[in-house]
C-alpha atoms as a PDB file:
ATOM      1  CA  MET A   1     271.234  71.202  50.576  1.00  0.00           C
ATOM      2  CA  GLY A   2     273.079  74.418  51.778  1.00  0.00           C
ATOM      3  CA  ALA A   3     275.817  74.677  54.457  1.00  0.00           C
ATOM      4  CA  VAL A   4     275.012  74.289  58.212  1.00  0.00           C
ATOM      5  CA  ALA A   5     276.114  76.896  60.325  1.00  0.00           C
ATOM      6  CA  GLY A   6     275.536  76.328  64.190  1.00  0.00           C
ATOM      7  CA  GLY A   7     272.678  73.655  63.543  1.00  0.00           C
ATOM      8  CA  TRP A   8     270.872  75.904  61.036  1.00  0.00           C
ATOM      9  CA  LEU A   9     270.582  75.234  57.195  1.00  0.00           C
ATOM     10  CA  MET A  10     271.567  78.606  55.773  1.00  0.00           C
ATOM     11  CA  THR A  11     269.829  78.192  52.382  1.00  0.00           C
ATOM     12  CA  SER A  12     266.507  78.407  54.227  1.00  0.00           C
ATOM     13  CA  VAL A  13     267.384  81.349  56.269  1.00  0.00           C
ATOM     14  CA  ALA A  14     268.583  83.158  53.055  1.00  0.00           C
ATOM     15  CA  ASN A  15     264.955  83.215  52.021  1.00  0.00           C
ATOM     16  CA  VAL A  16     263.738  85.225  54.727  1.00  0.00           C
ATOM     17  CA  GLY A  17     265.739  88.698  53.963  1.00  0.00           C
ATOM     18  CA  ALA A  18     268.745  89.582  55.828  1.00  0.00           C
ATOM     19  CA  ALA A  19     266.827  91.932  57.669  1.00  0.00           C
ATOM     20  CA  ALA A  20     265.111  89.372  59.597  1.00  0.00           C
ATOM     21  CA  VAL A  21     268.286  87.383  60.682  1.00  0.00           C
ATOM     22  CA  ASP A  22     270.312  88.018  63.748  1.00  0.00           C
ATOM     23  CA  GLY A  23     273.925  88.231  62.678  1.00  0.00           C
ATOM     24  CA  SER A  24     275.178  87.608  66.266  1.00  0.00           C
ATOM     25  CA  THR A  25     273.030  84.081  66.157  1.00  0.00           C
ATOM     26  CA  GLY A  26     272.197  83.285  62.568  1.00  0.00           C
ATOM     27  CA  ARG A  27     268.538  82.814  64.006  1.00  0.00           C
ATOM     28  CA  VAL A  28     265.532  84.489  62.090  1.00  0.00           C
ATOM     29  CA  SER A  29     263.738  87.663  64.324  1.00  0.00           C
ATOM     30  CA  THR A  30     260.046  85.900  63.727  1.00  0.00           C
ATOM     31  CA  LYS A  31     258.848  89.573  64.853  1.00  0.00           C
ATOM     32  CA  ALA A  32     260.680  91.012  61.840  1.00  0.00           C
ATOM     33  CA  ALA A  33     260.179  87.910  59.298  1.00  0.00           C
ATOM     34  CA  ARG A  34     257.698  88.153  56.281  1.00  0.00           C
ATOM     35  CA  ARG A  35     254.867  85.844  56.948  1.00  0.00           C
ATOM     36  CA  ARG A  36     251.992  84.649  54.934  1.00  0.00           C
ATOM     37  CA  LEU A  37     248.198  85.603  56.155  1.00  0.00           C
ATOM     38  CA  VAL A  38     246.787  82.318  57.765  1.00  0.00           C
ATOM     39  CA  ALA A  39     243.540  82.049  59.355  1.00  0.00           C
ATOM     40  CA  TYR A  40     241.650  78.852  60.344  1.00  0.00           C
ATOM     41  CA  SER A  41     238.226  78.620  61.518  1.00  0.00           C
ATOM     42  CA  SER A  42     238.234  74.649  61.893  1.00  0.00           C
ATOM     43  CA  LEU A  43     240.412  71.843  61.824  1.00  0.00           C
ATOM     44  CA  ALA A  44     239.093  71.250  58.152  1.00  0.00           C
ATOM     45  CA  ASP A  45     240.492  74.532  57.425  1.00  0.00           C
ATOM     46  CA  LEU A  46     243.999  73.465  58.947  1.00  0.00           C
ATOM     47  CA  TRP A  47     243.674  70.130  56.936  1.00  0.00           C
ATOM     48  CA  GLN A  48     243.388  72.142  53.539  1.00  0.00           C
ATOM     49  CA  ASP A  49     246.337  74.124  54.178  1.00  0.00           C
ATOM     50  CA  LEU A  50     248.366  71.210  55.095  1.00  0.00           C
ATOM     51  CA  ASP A  51     247.118  69.863  51.396  1.00  0.00           C
ATOM     52  CA  LYS A  52     248.443  73.344  50.184  1.00  0.00           C
ATOM     53  CA  ILE A  53     251.668  72.916  51.832  1.00  0.00           C
ATOM     54  CA  GLU A  54     252.393  69.544  50.669  1.00  0.00           C
ATOM     55  CA  LYS A  55     251.422  70.538  47.126  1.00  0.00           C
ATOM     56  CA  ALA A  56     254.080  73.214  47.315  1.00  0.00           C
ATOM     57  CA  HIS A  57     256.598  71.005  49.079  1.00  0.00           C
ATOM     58  CA  LYS A  58     256.277  68.589  46.023  1.00  0.00           C
ATOM     59  CA  ALA A  59     256.524  71.489  43.412  1.00  0.00           C
ATOM     60  CA  GLY A  60     259.721  72.678  45.115  1.00  0.00           C
ATOM     61  CA  THR A  61     257.912  76.170  45.787  1.00  0.00           C
ATOM     62  CA  LEU A  62     257.755  75.971  49.844  1.00  0.00           C
ATOM     63  CA  ARG A  63     260.089  78.177  51.745  1.00  0.00           C
ATOM     64  CA  ARG A  64     260.866  78.590  55.111  1.00  0.00           C
ATOM     65  CA  MET A  65     260.319  82.014  56.482  1.00  0.00           C
ATOM     66  CA  GLY A  66     261.262  81.307  60.251  1.00  0.00           C
ATOM     67  CA  ASN A  67     263.548  79.059  62.176  1.00  0.00           C
ATOM     68  CA  HIS A  68     262.344  75.991  61.595  1.00  0.00           C
ATOM     69  CA  GLU A  69     261.664  73.684  58.351  1.00  0.00           C
ATOM     70  CA  ALA A  70     258.361  72.190  57.435  1.00  0.00           C
ATOM     71  CA  GLY A  71     258.685  68.898  59.272  1.00  0.00           C
ATOM     72  CA  PRO A  72     259.826  70.278  62.586  1.00  0.00           C
ATOM     73  CA  ASN A  73     256.916  72.698  62.347  1.00  0.00           C
ATOM     74  CA  PHE A  74     254.400  69.924  61.677  1.00  0.00           C
ATOM     75  CA  ALA A  75     256.070  67.719  64.601  1.00  0.00           C
ATOM     76  CA  HIS A  76     256.016  70.787  67.232  1.00  0.00           C
ATOM     77  CA  LEU A  77     252.077  71.332  66.224  1.00  0.00           C
ATOM     78  CA  ALA A  78     251.457  67.658  66.632  1.00  0.00           C
ATOM     79  CA  MET A  79     253.311  67.432  70.065  1.00  0.00           C
ATOM     80  CA  GLY A  80     251.158  70.250  71.348  1.00  0.00           C
ATOM     81  CA  MET A  81     247.732  68.395  70.263  1.00  0.00           C
ATOM     82  CA  LYS A  82     248.947  65.099  71.534  1.00  0.00           C
ATOM     83  CA  GLY A  83     249.697  66.984  74.884  1.00  0.00           C
ATOM     84  CA  SER A  84     246.141  67.935  75.106  1.00  0.00           C
ATOM     85  CA  PHE A  85     245.406  64.289  75.283  1.00  0.00           C
ATOM     86  CA  GLU A  86     248.198  62.403  77.001  1.00  0.00           C
ATOM     87  CA  GLY A  87     250.042  65.332  78.863  1.00  0.00           C
ATOM     88  CA  TYR A  88     253.143  67.439  78.510  1.00  0.00           C
ATOM     89  CA  PRO A  89     256.752  66.579  79.327  1.00  0.00           C
ATOM     90  CA  THR A  90     257.267  69.813  81.349  1.00  0.00           C
ATOM     91  CA  ARG A  91     255.090  72.553  82.365  1.00  0.00           C
ATOM     92  CA  ALA A  92     256.191  76.343  82.894  1.00  0.00           C
ATOM     93  CA  PRO A  93     257.267  77.822  86.242  1.00  0.00           C
ATOM     94  CA  TRP A  94     254.456  78.282  88.729  1.00  0.00           C
ATOM     95  CA  MET A  95     254.614  82.122  88.165  1.00  0.00           C
ATOM     96  CA  LEU A  96     254.146  81.752  84.623  1.00  0.00           C
ATOM     97  CA  ARG A  97     251.233  79.369  85.018  1.00  0.00           C
ATOM     98  CA  VAL A  98     249.423  81.880  87.177  1.00  0.00           C
ATOM     99  CA  VAL A  99     249.829  84.520  84.579  1.00  0.00           C
ATOM    100  CA  GLY A 100     248.711  82.082  81.966  1.00  0.00           C
ATOM    101  CA  GLY A 101     245.706  80.817  83.633  1.00  0.00           C
ATOM    102  CA  VAL A 102     244.606  84.540  83.991  1.00  0.00           C
ATOM    103  CA  MET A 103     245.348  85.482  80.627  1.00  0.00           C
ATOM    104  CA  LYS A 104     244.049  82.302  78.798  1.00  0.00           C
ATOM    105  CA  LYS A 105     240.956  83.847  77.432  1.00  0.00           C
ATOM    106  CA  ARG A 106     242.502  87.122  76.407  1.00  0.00           C
ATOM    107  CA  ILE A 107     245.553  85.167  74.608  1.00  0.00           C
ATOM    108  CA  LEU A 108     243.065  82.909  73.013  1.00  0.00           C
ATOM    109  CA  SER A 109     240.777  85.411  71.662  1.00  0.00           C
ATOM    110  CA  LYS A 110     243.164  86.842  68.872  1.00  0.00           C
ATOM    111  CA  PRO A 111     245.927  85.516  66.716  1.00  0.00           C
ATOM    112  CA  PHE A 112     249.276  84.424  68.413  1.00  0.00           C
ATOM    113  CA  GLU A 113     251.808  87.302  68.074  1.00  0.00           C
ATOM    114  CA  PRO A 114     255.319  85.939  66.896  1.00  0.00           C
ATOM    115  CA  GLY A 115     258.527  86.668  68.663  1.00  0.00           C
ATOM    116  CA  PHE A 116     258.007  84.529  71.896  1.00  0.00           C
ATOM    117  CA  ASN A 117     261.118  82.888  73.083  1.00  0.00           C
ATOM    118  CA  LEU A 118     261.470  79.644  74.890  1.00  0.00           C
ATOM    119  CA  SER A 119     264.387  78.889  77.283  1.00  0.00           C
ATOM    120  CA  LYS A 120     266.893  76.793  75.687  1.00  0.00           C
ATOM    121  CA  ASP A 121     265.527  73.763  77.816  1.00  0.00           C
ATOM    122  CA  ALA A 122     262.115  74.149  76.675  1.00  0.00           C
ATOM    123  CA  GLU A 123     263.211  74.972  73.199  1.00  0.00           C
ATOM    124  CA  SER A 124     264.961  71.344  73.229  1.00  0.00           C
ATOM    125  CA  LYS A 125     261.997  69.765  74.388  1.00  0.00           C
ATOM    126  CA  ALA A 126     259.418  71.597  72.253  1.00  0.00           C
ATOM    127  CA  TRP A 127     261.364  71.317  68.890  1.00  0.00           C
ATOM    128  CA  ASP A 128     263.271  68.366  66.925  1.00  0.00           C
ATOM    129  CA  ASP A 129     264.836  69.935  63.722  1.00  0.00           C
ATOM    130  CA  SER A 130     265.525  66.401  62.464  1.00  0.00           C
ATOM    131  CA  VAL A 131     261.986  65.425  61.577  1.00  0.00           C
ATOM    132  CA  SER A 132     261.505  65.182  58.133  1.00  0.00           C
ATOM    133  CA  PHE A 133     258.704  66.948  55.958  1.00  0.00           C
ATOM    134  CA  GLU A 134     256.883  63.675  55.445  1.00  0.00           C
ATOM    135  CA  GLY A 135     257.448  62.285  58.894  1.00  0.00           C
ATOM    136  CA  GLY A 136     255.967  65.839  60.622  1.00  0.00           C
ATOM    137  CA  LEU A 137     253.058  65.798  58.263  1.00  0.00           C
ATOM    138  CA  ALA A 138     252.038  62.427  59.160  1.00  0.00           C
ATOM    139  CA  MET A 139     252.160  63.091  62.844  1.00  0.00           C
ATOM    140  CA  LEU A 140     250.264  66.478  62.208  1.00  0.00           C
ATOM    141  CA  ARG A 141     247.509  64.525  60.172  1.00  0.00           C
ATOM    142  CA  GLU A 142     247.380  61.904  62.791  1.00  0.00           C
ATOM    143  CA  GLN A 143     246.726  64.341  65.636  1.00  0.00           C
ATOM    144  CA  VAL A 144     244.242  66.563  63.570  1.00  0.00           C
ATOM    145  CA  THR A 145     242.334  63.389  62.825  1.00  0.00           C
ATOM    146  CA  ARG A 146     242.242  62.193  66.657  1.00  0.00           C
ATOM    147  CA  ALA A 147     241.086  66.086  67.688  1.00  0.00           C
ATOM    148  CA  GLY A 148     238.561  66.309  65.129  1.00  0.00           C
ATOM    149  CA  LYS A 149     236.602  62.973  65.789  1.00  0.00           C
ATOM    150  CA  ALA A 150     233.220  63.445  67.572  1.00  0.00           C
ATOM    151  CA  GLY A 151     233.494  63.308  71.003  1.00  0.00           C
ATOM    152  CA  ALA A 152     237.151  64.111  71.287  1.00  0.00           C
ATOM    153  CA  ALA A 153     238.029  65.055  74.876  1.00  0.00           C
ATOM    154  CA  PRO A 154     241.284  66.567  75.437  1.00  0.00           C
ATOM    155  CA  GLY A 155     241.609  66.961  79.217  1.00  0.00           C
ATOM    156  CA  MET A 156     245.388  67.440  80.218  1.00  0.00           C
ATOM    157  CA  PRO A 157     246.248  70.830  81.479  1.00  0.00           C
ATOM    158  CA  HIS A 158     248.450  73.094  79.165  1.00  0.00           C
ATOM    159  CA  PRO A 159     251.934  73.637  80.518  1.00  0.00           C
ATOM    160  CA  PHE A 160     251.325  77.632  80.364  1.00  0.00           C
ATOM    161  CA  PHE A 161     247.321  78.156  80.525  1.00  0.00           C
ATOM    162  CA  GLY A 162     246.704  75.140  82.744  1.00  0.00           C
ATOM    163  CA  ALA A 163     243.257  73.367  82.585  1.00  0.00           C
ATOM    164  CA  MET A 164     241.397  74.156  79.377  1.00  0.00           C
ATOM    165  CA  THR A 165     238.014  72.789  77.984  1.00  0.00           C
ATOM    166  CA  ALA A 166     237.879  70.957  74.677  1.00  0.00           C
ATOM    167  CA  ALA A 167     236.534  74.178  73.220  1.00  0.00           C
ATOM    168  CA  GLU A 168     239.575  76.136  74.420  1.00  0.00           C
ATOM    169  CA  TRP A 169     241.813  73.519  73.116  1.00  0.00           C
ATOM    170  CA  GLN A 170     240.291  73.506  69.525  1.00  0.00           C
ATOM    171  CA  VAL A 171     240.851  77.237  69.755  1.00  0.00           C
ATOM    172  CA  TYR A 172     244.461  76.820  70.736  1.00  0.00           C
ATOM    173  CA  TYR A 173     245.087  74.369  68.020  1.00  0.00           C
ATOM    174  CA  LEU A 174     244.046  76.590  65.449  1.00  0.00           C
ATOM    175  CA  ARG A 175     245.783  79.825  66.755  1.00  0.00           C
ATOM    176  CA  HIS A 176     248.875  77.600  67.210  1.00  0.00           C
ATOM    177  CA  ALA A 177     248.997  76.309  63.639  1.00  0.00           C
ATOM    178  CA  GLU A 178     247.898  79.834  62.524  1.00  0.00           C
ATOM    179  CA  LEU A 179     251.482  81.192  63.941  1.00  0.00           C
ATOM    180  CA  HIS A 180     253.924  78.417  62.873  1.00  0.00           C
ATOM    181  CA  LEU A 181     252.483  77.730  59.547  1.00  0.00           C
ATOM    182  CA  SER A 182     252.523  81.290  58.558  1.00  0.00           C
ATOM    183  CA  PHE A 183     256.181  81.286  58.343  1.00  0.00           C
ATOM    184  CA  LEU A 184     255.803  78.640  55.609  1.00  0.00           C
ATOM    185  CA  GLN A 185     255.765  80.589  52.222  1.00  0.00           C
ATOM    186  CA  LEU A 186     253.894  78.633  49.281  1.00  0.00           C
END
């Protein structure tokens, strides 16, 4: 493993290239980082990509191009899926929820853009950088299985978008996974 600076594993950050790393924070500028092209049309497509990511991990070729390793990315995605069924621990401020509800269809209709920054409090609730590859992958596969079951009915409101239909949740799962998993280079 590499040296840890400010809580970040520097060997992985080196993989993104110097231009994408903010020298003052050591964090990757996700707008500038290289990403792989990822597009899912179904949860089965996502599952197949998870198989490829796992294979790259076992071969030692998997590289992080963003701010989080694979395990925390998987856990973050799993938490989002689980929240759609069981609820979220927090929600956006009311003004952002109003905007989110109005813009939901537009945002869900295209790939999510990188570079959205959460507040420090929201970041600490949404990400756990201690999650292992294997642990995070198991969490995400469990939630993909749950969401893919016939009659699956996620019914909790999204912290930003508010109320969502089962079909909107499916689109959200795929767009969210495309964004985060695009930062994992195979």
